[in-house]
Amino acid sequence: MVETEVESSGGVGEVSSETQIPHRLERKWTFWFDNQSKTRQGAAWGTSLRKLYTFDTVEEFWCLYDQIFRPSKLTANGDFHMFKAGIEPKWEDPECANGGKWTVTSSRKQNLDAMWLETLMALIGEQFDDGEEICGVVASVRQRQDKLALWTKTAPNEAAQMSIGRKWKDVIDITDKITYSFHDDSRRDKSVRGRYTV
């Protein structure tokens, strides 16, 4: 609290005013939006992907989350992404090209919202020991089952991926097994099985 002295008609008095200093995050993050159902037939993947907002303070995060970025607000086939600034949520991005993702499914919107928020807070709060390995997270709303995917940089680094997977399960408070798939495998075969499981 900063105190200042001001002169008023009654003499000199003390007035207190609070200076709002934003709480800076360790790094910048960017929110993205994609609506797969709006993509034209035959259009390349990613043509409907939109960069929305880059932030680097706790206050900006909460304002954005409260007003916009809850998966339960999405229509079917919509995706919210939160990635480190400078990384596009695409397999082709150099930071993602050799990576993969941990995936969790949910059949209830409330669960997806809760897991998404816990994941976002863990990411911006730098809660992962191997945080440099993480690219970002995607919430996907689908007709039958929603998904949350945590993207990482170096898929073959099994020790780092297992550490991230175990920590993520704790963060989102689930006991079911989750699997990790390599982007390379997914590019070749849509029905690919996971490489790692925790």
Protein backbone atom coordinates (compact mmCIF):
# COMPACT_ATOMS: atom_id res chain seq x y z
CA MET A 1 0.00 0.00 0.00
CA VAL A 2 1.34 3.42 -0.95
CA GLU A 3 0.51 6.37 1.25
CA THR A 4 0.49 9.89 -0.12
CA GLU A 5 -0.09 13.22 1.52
CA VAL A 6 -2.58 15.59 -0.04
CA GLU A 7 -3.59 19.05 0.89
CA SER A 8 -7.30 19.57 1.39
CA SER A 9 -9.42 22.45 2.62
CA GLY A 10 -9.16 21.05 6.12
CA GLY A 11 -5.37 20.90 6.14
CA VAL A 12 -2.87 18.20 5.29
CA GLY A 13 -4.25 14.66 5.47
CA GLU A 14 -3.16 11.18 4.56
CA VAL A 15 -4.81 9.32 1.71
CA SER A 16 -3.97 5.76 0.84
CA SER A 17 -4.14 4.38 -2.64
CA GLU A 18 -3.28 0.94 -3.89
CA THR A 19 -1.05 0.57 -6.89
CA GLN A 20 -2.05 -2.48 -8.85
CA ILE A 21 1.08 -4.30 -9.98
CA PRO A 22 0.30 -7.19 -12.32
CA HIS A 23 1.59 -10.64 -11.37
CA ARG A 24 3.90 -11.62 -14.23
CA LEU A 25 4.10 -15.21 -15.36
CA GLU A 26 7.42 -16.91 -16.09
CA ARG A 27 6.57 -17.00 -19.82
CA LYS A 28 3.96 -15.82 -22.30
CA TRP A 29 1.07 -18.07 -23.37
CA THR A 30 -1.34 -17.83 -26.29
CA PHE A 31 -4.97 -18.91 -26.56
CA TRP A 32 -6.13 -20.28 -29.93
CA PHE A 33 -9.53 -21.36 -31.27
CA ASP A 34 -10.43 -23.83 -33.99
CA ASN A 35 -13.86 -24.89 -35.24
CA GLN A 36 -13.48 -28.02 -37.37
CA SER A 37 -17.12 -27.90 -38.51
CA LYS A 38 -16.53 -24.53 -40.23
CA THR A 39 -13.71 -25.86 -42.41
CA ARG A 40 -14.53 -26.03 -46.10
CA GLN A 41 -14.52 -29.43 -47.77
CA GLY A 42 -11.00 -30.29 -48.92
CA ALA A 43 -9.37 -27.37 -47.06
CA ALA A 44 -6.03 -28.05 -45.40
CA TRP A 45 -6.04 -28.74 -41.68
CA GLY A 46 -5.43 -25.59 -39.69
CA THR A 47 -7.17 -23.17 -42.05
CA SER A 48 -9.81 -22.49 -39.39
CA LEU A 49 -7.24 -22.16 -36.56
CA ARG A 50 -7.25 -18.64 -35.08
CA LYS A 51 -4.75 -17.03 -32.72
CA LEU A 52 -6.82 -15.11 -30.17
CA TYR A 53 -4.79 -13.63 -27.35
CA THR A 54 -1.29 -13.74 -25.87
CA PHE A 55 -0.96 -13.02 -22.16
CA ASP A 56 1.76 -12.95 -19.51
CA THR A 57 0.04 -11.99 -16.24
CA VAL A 58 -2.19 -13.80 -13.78
CA GLU A 59 -4.78 -11.04 -14.09
CA GLU A 60 -5.02 -11.37 -17.89
CA PHE A 61 -5.36 -15.13 -17.56
CA TRP A 62 -8.31 -14.93 -15.16
CA CYS A 63 -10.05 -12.25 -17.19
CA LEU A 64 -9.74 -14.36 -20.35
CA TYR A 65 -10.70 -17.62 -18.68
CA ASP A 66 -13.73 -16.18 -16.88
CA GLN A 67 -15.07 -14.41 -19.94
CA ILE A 68 -14.25 -16.78 -22.79
CA PHE A 69 -12.13 -19.88 -22.47
CA ARG A 70 -14.30 -22.56 -20.86
CA PRO A 71 -14.72 -25.68 -23.01
CA SER A 72 -18.38 -26.02 -21.96
CA LYS A 73 -19.03 -22.82 -23.97
CA LEU A 74 -17.79 -24.47 -27.18
CA THR A 75 -20.06 -25.94 -29.83
CA ALA A 76 -19.41 -29.48 -31.07
CA ASN A 77 -16.19 -29.78 -33.11
CA GLY A 78 -14.68 -26.74 -31.40
CA ASP A 79 -11.20 -26.65 -29.85
CA PHE A 80 -9.53 -24.30 -27.41
CA HIS A 81 -5.72 -24.37 -27.30
CA MET A 82 -3.33 -22.77 -24.86
CA PHE A 83 0.28 -23.01 -26.06
CA LYS A 84 3.51 -21.30 -25.15
CA ALA A 85 3.82 -18.06 -27.11
CA GLY A 86 5.62 -18.67 -30.39
CA ILE A 87 4.41 -22.28 -30.75
CA GLU A 88 1.49 -22.97 -33.09
CA PRO A 89 -0.78 -25.88 -32.10
CA LYS A 90 0.12 -27.86 -35.23
CA TRP A 91 2.19 -30.98 -35.80
CA GLU A 92 4.14 -28.99 -38.39
CA ASP A 93 5.39 -26.42 -35.88
CA PRO A 94 9.14 -27.08 -35.32
CA GLU A 95 8.57 -27.26 -31.53
CA CYS A 96 5.87 -29.94 -31.96
CA ALA A 97 7.20 -31.86 -34.97
CA ASN A 98 9.09 -34.52 -32.95
CA GLY A 99 6.62 -34.58 -30.11
CA GLY A 100 3.43 -36.26 -29.05
CA LYS A 101 0.56 -35.93 -26.61
CA TRP A 102 -1.02 -37.34 -23.49
CA THR A 103 -4.78 -37.71 -23.95
CA VAL A 104 -7.71 -37.87 -21.53
CA THR A 105 -11.37 -38.33 -22.55
CA SER A 106 -14.45 -37.08 -20.75
CA SER A 107 -18.13 -37.71 -21.29
CA ARG A 108 -19.23 -34.82 -19.04
CA LYS A 109 -18.70 -31.13 -19.79
CA GLN A 110 -18.21 -30.25 -16.11
CA ASN A 111 -15.31 -32.72 -15.90
CA LEU A 112 -13.72 -31.25 -19.02
CA ASP A 113 -14.00 -27.70 -17.64
CA ALA A 114 -12.44 -28.74 -14.32
CA MET A 115 -9.58 -30.72 -15.91
CA TRP A 116 -8.92 -27.90 -18.40
CA LEU A 117 -8.73 -25.25 -15.66
CA GLU A 118 -6.49 -27.38 -13.43
CA THR A 119 -4.18 -28.02 -16.39
CA LEU A 120 -4.03 -24.33 -17.36
CA MET A 121 -3.18 -23.32 -13.81
CA ALA A 122 -0.48 -26.00 -13.55
CA LEU A 123 1.05 -24.84 -16.83
CA ILE A 124 1.11 -21.10 -16.15
CA GLY A 125 2.19 -21.85 -12.57
CA GLU A 126 5.16 -23.91 -13.88
CA GLN A 127 4.16 -26.98 -11.85
CA PHE A 128 5.75 -29.60 -14.14
CA ASP A 129 9.35 -30.67 -13.44
CA ASP A 130 9.85 -31.15 -17.18
CA GLY A 131 7.97 -27.97 -18.10
CA GLU A 132 10.39 -27.11 -20.90
CA GLU A 133 9.14 -30.26 -22.66
CA ILE A 134 5.53 -29.04 -22.73
CA CYS A 135 4.18 -27.17 -25.79
CA GLY A 136 0.59 -26.64 -24.67
CA VAL A 137 -2.82 -28.16 -24.12
CA VAL A 138 -5.93 -28.65 -26.29
CA ALA A 139 -9.56 -29.03 -25.17
CA SER A 140 -11.68 -30.64 -27.89
CA VAL A 141 -15.47 -30.73 -27.67
CA ARG A 142 -17.04 -33.51 -29.69
CA GLN A 143 -20.55 -34.93 -29.99
CA ARG A 144 -19.82 -38.27 -28.32
CA GLN A 145 -16.80 -37.65 -26.13
CA ASP A 146 -14.66 -34.64 -25.27
CA LYS A 147 -10.87 -34.77 -25.10
CA LEU A 148 -8.03 -33.01 -23.40
CA ALA A 149 -4.53 -33.41 -24.88
CA LEU A 150 -1.25 -32.24 -23.36
CA TRP A 151 1.32 -31.73 -26.16
CA THR A 152 5.04 -32.20 -25.61
CA LYS A 153 8.22 -31.62 -27.67
CA THR A 154 10.36 -34.75 -27.62
CA ALA A 155 8.31 -37.94 -27.87
CA PRO A 156 11.29 -40.37 -27.67
CA ASN A 157 12.35 -38.90 -24.29
CA GLU A 158 10.41 -41.54 -22.34
CA ALA A 159 11.61 -40.45 -18.89
CA ALA A 160 10.37 -36.88 -19.42
CA GLN A 161 7.07 -38.02 -20.95
CA MET A 162 6.37 -40.45 -18.09
CA SER A 163 7.16 -37.74 -15.53
CA ILE A 164 4.78 -35.33 -17.29
CA GLY A 165 2.06 -37.98 -17.58
CA ARG A 166 2.23 -38.91 -13.89
CA LYS A 167 2.19 -35.25 -12.82
CA TRP A 168 -0.73 -34.47 -15.15
CA LYS A 169 -2.81 -37.31 -13.68
CA ASP A 170 -2.23 -35.79 -10.23
CA VAL A 171 -3.11 -32.30 -11.47
CA ILE A 172 -6.42 -33.37 -13.03
CA ASP A 173 -7.11 -35.90 -10.26
CA ILE A 174 -7.81 -39.02 -12.29
CA THR A 175 -6.97 -42.65 -11.58
CA ASP A 176 -7.75 -44.13 -15.03
CA LYS A 177 -4.81 -44.98 -17.24
CA ILE A 178 -3.84 -42.37 -19.82
CA THR A 179 -1.78 -42.94 -22.95
CA TYR A 180 0.85 -41.03 -24.87
CA SER A 181 1.00 -41.12 -28.66
CA PHE A 182 3.69 -39.85 -31.00
CA HIS A 183 2.58 -37.27 -33.57
CA ASP A 184 4.55 -39.24 -36.20
CA ASP A 185 2.46 -42.36 -35.50
CA SER A 186 -0.79 -40.38 -35.61
CA ARG A 187 0.15 -38.85 -38.96
CA ARG A 188 0.56 -42.30 -40.46
CA ASP A 189 -2.34 -44.13 -38.81
CA LYS A 190 -5.47 -42.62 -37.23
CA SER A 191 -6.09 -45.74 -35.11
CA VAL A 192 -2.57 -45.78 -33.63
CA ARG A 193 -2.14 -47.11 -30.11
CA GLY A 194 -0.31 -45.19 -27.41
CA ARG A 195 3.40 -45.72 -26.84
CA TYR A 196 3.48 -44.92 -23.11
CA THR A 197 0.87 -45.47 -20.42
CA VAL A 198 0.59 -44.19 -16.85
